[in-house]
């Protein structure tokens, strides 16, 4: 019994490849984006279309998946918090190993396989972890609306791109702040 739902959009059936090395199948599909695909400030909206152009190829150990994924991104600039809309294009490549091949490799203490090895479950493969890893790694750690975004004023939070001449009076050293009160008192007494 498999834990994968064959009706899930990112689960593909590889039975027609028939475990014949060299047999292949091209898959071009559009699927809804899974939840939380991205990082905190930039993500693919849940349910938005993700275009997959894949080739599934049977090899001795399992099924090699190669191709691309394209999706729309939305988020906010890390400097000025303005909305960002962009696209992400990622390359996918992963070997999904047959369970019996994995068991043989483990039995022979094959160091090439580890707990991260992707497995086929009853000739089904789940693309979601592969897609998630590829998209998250392709996103910038600090996305910006434009390369020269000046950000926000550290004192008042004004968006500096809207007012390039934005400035504040030079801060007064707190050790001398008491003297400003004296000069203000003298100017009011002289009037």
Protein backbone atom coordinates (compact mmCIF):
# COMPACT_ATOMS: atom_id res chain seq x y z
CA UNK A 1 0.00 0.00 0.00
CA UNK A 2 1.42 3.37 -1.00
CA UNK A 3 1.18 6.57 1.00
CA UNK A 4 0.93 8.61 -2.22
CA UNK A 5 -2.42 9.60 -3.68
CA UNK A 6 -2.30 8.92 -7.45
CA UNK A 7 -4.87 11.69 -7.99
CA UNK A 8 -2.66 14.35 -6.36
CA UNK A 9 -1.49 16.90 -8.95
CA UNK A 10 2.22 16.45 -8.25
CA UNK A 11 2.15 12.63 -8.14
CA UNK A 12 3.04 10.97 -11.44
CA UNK A 13 2.47 7.37 -12.46
CA UNK A 14 5.46 5.69 -14.15
CA UNK A 15 3.92 2.29 -14.93
CA UNK A 16 3.83 2.89 -18.69
CA UNK A 17 7.64 3.10 -18.68
CA UNK A 18 7.54 -0.58 -17.70
CA UNK A 19 10.93 -0.66 -15.99
CA UNK A 20 12.54 -0.85 -19.42
CA UNK A 21 15.76 1.21 -19.31
CA UNK A 22 15.74 3.76 -22.11
CA UNK A 23 11.96 4.07 -22.33
CA UNK A 24 10.81 7.61 -21.76
CA UNK A 25 7.76 9.82 -21.64
CA UNK A 26 7.39 13.58 -21.94
CA UNK A 27 4.94 15.25 -19.57
CA UNK A 28 3.74 18.83 -20.00
CA UNK A 29 1.19 19.77 -17.34
CA UNK A 30 -0.01 22.74 -15.34
CA UNK A 31 -0.67 22.01 -11.66
CA UNK A 32 -1.81 24.19 -8.74
CA UNK A 33 1.03 25.35 -6.48
CA UNK A 34 1.23 23.61 -3.12
CA UNK A 35 0.97 25.61 0.11
CA UNK A 36 3.99 27.53 1.37
CA UNK A 37 6.07 27.27 -1.80
CA UNK A 38 8.75 29.90 -1.22
CA UNK A 39 10.25 31.96 1.58
CA UNK A 40 8.72 34.42 4.02
CA UNK A 41 8.97 37.52 1.79
CA UNK A 42 8.67 35.90 -1.68
CA UNK A 43 6.49 32.95 -2.65
CA UNK A 44 4.38 31.23 -5.27
CA UNK A 45 0.76 31.85 -4.21
CA UNK A 46 -1.01 28.66 -3.16
CA UNK A 47 -3.17 27.30 -5.96
CA UNK A 48 -1.60 29.47 -8.68
CA UNK A 49 -0.54 27.62 -11.85
CA UNK A 50 2.86 25.95 -12.02
CA UNK A 51 3.85 24.87 -15.52
CA UNK A 52 5.89 21.66 -15.64
CA UNK A 53 7.73 20.45 -18.73
CA UNK A 54 9.27 17.10 -17.80
CA UNK A 55 10.87 14.01 -19.26
CA UNK A 56 10.53 10.75 -17.35
CA UNK A 57 13.17 8.21 -18.36
CA UNK A 58 13.51 4.66 -17.08
CA UNK A 59 17.04 3.74 -16.04
CA UNK A 60 18.41 0.62 -14.29
CA UNK A 61 17.95 2.01 -10.78
CA UNK A 62 14.62 3.78 -11.26
CA UNK A 63 13.15 6.77 -13.09
CA UNK A 64 15.15 9.88 -13.92
CA UNK A 65 13.04 13.05 -13.98
CA UNK A 66 14.45 16.08 -15.79
CA UNK A 67 12.75 19.27 -16.90
CA UNK A 68 11.68 22.74 -15.92
CA UNK A 69 9.05 24.43 -13.78
CA UNK A 70 7.72 27.97 -14.20
CA UNK A 71 5.51 29.88 -11.77
CA UNK A 72 4.50 33.43 -10.83
CA UNK A 73 5.93 34.93 -7.64
CA UNK A 74 4.56 37.54 -5.31
CA UNK A 75 5.99 39.10 -2.21
CA UNK A 76 7.52 42.30 -0.93
CA UNK A 77 10.79 44.13 -1.27
CA UNK A 78 13.10 43.44 1.67
CA UNK A 79 14.26 47.09 1.67
CA UNK A 80 11.13 49.20 1.11
CA UNK A 81 8.27 46.67 1.59
CA UNK A 82 6.70 47.49 -1.81
CA UNK A 83 4.89 44.60 -3.53
CA UNK A 84 6.95 42.48 -5.94
CA UNK A 85 5.60 40.37 -8.80
CA UNK A 86 7.98 38.21 -10.80
CA UNK A 87 8.37 34.76 -12.34
CA UNK A 88 10.58 31.88 -11.29
CA UNK A 89 12.04 29.38 -13.76
CA UNK A 90 13.79 26.36 -12.26
CA UNK A 91 15.48 23.28 -13.64
CA UNK A 92 14.50 19.96 -12.11
CA UNK A 93 16.52 16.75 -12.07
CA UNK A 94 16.08 13.83 -9.70
CA UNK A 95 16.51 10.06 -9.76
CA UNK A 96 13.59 8.25 -8.15
CA UNK A 97 14.91 4.81 -7.15
CA UNK A 98 12.84 1.61 -7.30
CA UNK A 99 12.20 0.28 -3.78
CA UNK A 100 13.79 -3.11 -4.57
CA UNK A 101 16.92 -1.41 -5.99
CA UNK A 102 17.13 0.74 -2.86
CA UNK A 103 16.83 -2.35 -0.65
CA UNK A 104 19.63 -4.11 -2.61
CA UNK A 105 21.87 -1.05 -2.26
CA UNK A 106 21.23 -0.84 1.48
CA UNK A 107 21.91 -4.57 1.79
CA UNK A 108 25.28 -4.11 0.07
CA UNK A 109 26.05 -0.99 2.13
CA UNK A 110 26.07 1.31 -0.92
CA UNK A 111 27.33 4.70 0.25
CA UNK A 112 25.71 6.50 -2.73
CA UNK A 113 22.26 6.18 -1.15
CA UNK A 114 21.16 7.96 1.98
CA UNK A 115 17.98 8.94 3.78
CA UNK A 116 17.49 11.75 1.25
CA UNK A 117 17.20 9.35 -1.70
CA UNK A 118 13.89 9.78 -3.54
CA UNK A 119 11.96 6.52 -3.83
CA UNK A 120 9.23 5.32 -6.15
CA UNK A 121 6.22 4.00 -4.27
CA UNK A 122 4.26 1.44 -6.32
CA UNK A 123 5.52 3.10 -9.53
CA UNK A 124 4.35 6.53 -8.28
CA UNK A 125 6.66 9.47 -7.73
CA UNK A 126 5.98 12.67 -5.78
CA UNK A 127 7.35 15.83 -7.40
CA UNK A 128 6.42 18.18 -4.54
CA UNK A 129 9.68 17.87 -2.53
CA UNK A 130 11.74 18.25 -5.72
CA UNK A 131 9.72 21.30 -6.82
CA UNK A 132 9.85 22.86 -3.34
CA UNK A 133 13.63 22.45 -3.06
CA UNK A 134 14.27 23.85 -6.55
CA UNK A 135 12.01 26.90 -6.09
CA UNK A 136 13.25 27.79 -2.60
CA UNK A 137 16.90 27.51 -3.65
CA UNK A 138 16.26 29.69 -6.73
CA UNK A 139 14.74 32.58 -4.75
CA UNK A 140 16.90 35.49 -3.60
CA UNK A 141 17.46 35.60 0.16
CA UNK A 142 16.57 39.31 0.23
CA UNK A 143 14.37 40.16 -2.76
CA UNK A 144 14.32 43.79 -3.87
CA UNK A 145 11.94 45.71 -6.13
CA UNK A 146 14.93 47.04 -8.09
CA UNK A 147 18.69 46.70 -7.69
CA UNK A 148 19.21 50.29 -6.51
CA UNK A 149 16.25 50.41 -4.10
CA UNK A 150 17.24 52.88 -1.34
CA UNK A 151 14.84 51.36 1.20
CA UNK A 152 13.15 53.21 4.07
CA UNK A 153 14.31 56.07 6.26
CA UNK A 154 15.66 54.62 9.50
CA UNK A 155 14.20 57.48 11.54
CA UNK A 156 10.68 57.94 10.21
CA UNK A 157 10.08 55.01 7.83
CA UNK A 158 9.50 57.15 4.72
CA UNK A 159 10.12 55.38 1.41
CA UNK A 160 13.33 56.96 0.10
CA UNK A 161 12.58 56.18 -3.57
CA UNK A 162 9.52 58.50 -3.36
CA UNK A 163 11.55 61.37 -1.86
CA UNK A 164 15.25 61.17 -2.82
CA UNK A 165 16.02 64.47 -1.01
CA UNK A 166 14.52 63.20 2.26
CA UNK A 167 16.65 64.26 5.25
CA UNK A 168 16.43 64.95 8.96
CA UNK A 169 18.37 67.44 11.08
CA UNK A 170 21.62 66.05 12.41
CA UNK A 171 21.04 64.36 15.74
CA UNK A 172 22.27 66.18 18.81
CA UNK A 173 24.73 64.38 21.00
CA UNK A 174 22.77 63.53 24.18
CA UNK A 175 25.64 64.83 26.32
CA UNK A 176 25.09 68.34 24.87
CA UNK A 177 21.29 68.22 24.72
CA UNK A 178 21.01 70.29 27.93
CA UNK A 179 22.81 73.21 26.26
CA UNK A 180 20.15 73.45 23.53
CA UNK A 181 17.62 74.24 26.23
CA UNK A 182 19.85 77.09 27.44
CA UNK A 183 20.19 78.60 23.97
CA UNK A 184 16.44 78.36 23.44
CA UNK A 185 15.82 80.09 26.83
CA UNK A 186 18.22 82.94 25.95
CA UNK A 187 16.56 83.58 22.59
CA UNK A 188 13.11 83.88 24.23
CA UNK A 189 14.40 86.24 26.99
CA UNK A 190 16.11 88.53 24.45
CA UNK A 191 12.88 89.06 22.52
